């Protein structure tokens, strides 16, 4: 009985720690924000951890199109190219 309660408390503590780590990590990551513009078109923004907008997308008529493109960018690896 004692071991069962101890294990339950350990699991709760581990989950709490994991949630805290996820929050801290989220503060350090770039975020992609989907939104509707003034013309009711869908766009997405890339935001820095401090909340500044780094770039915005072109307009999409469908939310799913904007979302799919944002997901592609999210999983991409970038190379800096000088022209």
Protein backbone atom coordinates (compact mmCIF):
# COMPACT_ATOMS: atom_id res chain seq x y z
CA UNK A 1 0.00 0.00 0.00
CA UNK A 2 2.80 2.40 0.95
CA UNK A 3 4.71 1.64 -2.28
CA UNK A 4 1.60 2.21 -4.40
CA UNK A 5 1.01 5.68 -2.91
CA UNK A 6 4.69 6.52 -3.23
CA UNK A 7 4.67 5.46 -6.90
CA UNK A 8 1.56 7.59 -7.54
CA UNK A 9 3.26 10.63 -5.98
CA UNK A 10 6.39 10.02 -8.03
CA UNK A 11 4.34 9.85 -11.25
CA UNK A 12 2.55 13.10 -10.37
CA UNK A 13 5.88 14.78 -9.63
CA UNK A 14 7.41 13.52 -12.90
CA UNK A 15 4.43 14.81 -14.90
CA UNK A 16 4.67 18.20 -13.18
CA UNK A 17 8.38 18.41 -14.01
CA UNK A 18 7.70 17.43 -17.64
CA UNK A 19 5.04 20.15 -17.96
CA UNK A 20 7.47 22.72 -16.56
CA UNK A 21 10.17 21.62 -19.01
CA UNK A 22 7.75 21.85 -21.94
CA UNK A 23 6.76 25.39 -20.90
CA UNK A 24 10.39 26.47 -20.61
CA UNK A 25 11.22 24.91 -23.98
CA UNK A 26 8.23 26.63 -25.60
CA UNK A 27 9.60 29.99 -24.42
CA UNK A 28 12.83 29.31 -26.33
CA UNK A 29 11.31 28.12 -29.61
CA UNK A 30 10.06 29.95 -32.66
CA UNK A 31 6.29 29.82 -32.98
CA UNK A 32 4.03 29.75 -36.03
CA UNK A 33 0.77 31.65 -35.64
CA UNK A 34 -2.18 31.15 -38.02
CA UNK A 35 -4.52 34.12 -38.42
CA UNK A 36 -7.07 35.76 -40.72
CA UNK A 37 -6.08 39.08 -42.26
CA UNK A 38 -8.37 42.08 -42.88
CA UNK A 39 -9.52 40.57 -46.19
CA UNK A 40 -10.52 37.32 -44.42
CA UNK A 41 -7.63 35.41 -46.01
CA UNK A 42 -5.53 32.95 -43.98
CA UNK A 43 -1.89 33.70 -43.27
CA UNK A 44 0.76 32.60 -40.83
CA UNK A 45 3.51 34.43 -38.99
CA UNK A 46 6.81 33.19 -37.70
CA UNK A 47 7.37 34.62 -34.22
CA UNK A 48 10.59 34.81 -32.22
CA UNK A 49 10.64 33.60 -28.60
CA UNK A 50 10.28 37.24 -27.48
CA UNK A 51 7.06 37.56 -29.54
CA UNK A 52 8.49 39.69 -32.37
CA UNK A 53 7.22 38.87 -35.86
CA UNK A 54 10.07 37.59 -38.02
CA UNK A 55 8.06 37.10 -41.23
CA UNK A 56 4.53 36.64 -42.57
CA UNK A 57 3.23 34.40 -45.31
CA UNK A 58 1.30 35.08 -48.45
CA UNK A 59 -2.52 34.87 -48.29
CA UNK A 60 -4.39 31.55 -48.52
CA UNK A 61 -8.11 31.18 -49.15
CA UNK A 62 -8.29 28.00 -47.04
CA UNK A 63 -7.06 27.54 -43.49
CA UNK A 64 -5.87 24.00 -44.29
CA UNK A 65 -3.58 25.36 -47.06
CA UNK A 66 -1.98 27.89 -44.72
CA UNK A 67 -1.65 25.24 -42.03
CA UNK A 68 -0.02 22.70 -44.37
CA UNK A 69 2.53 25.23 -45.56
CA UNK A 70 3.26 26.28 -41.98
CA UNK A 71 3.81 22.61 -41.07
CA UNK A 72 6.26 22.24 -43.98
CA UNK A 73 8.22 25.24 -42.73
CA UNK A 74 8.12 23.96 -39.18
CA UNK A 75 9.81 20.72 -40.18
CA UNK A 76 12.31 22.28 -42.59
CA UNK A 77 16.04 22.69 -42.15
CA UNK A 78 17.37 25.96 -43.47
CA UNK A 79 20.58 26.93 -45.21
CA UNK A 80 21.77 30.53 -45.40
CA UNK A 81 22.39 31.56 -49.01
CA UNK A 82 24.08 34.77 -50.07
CA UNK A 83 23.19 36.25 -53.43
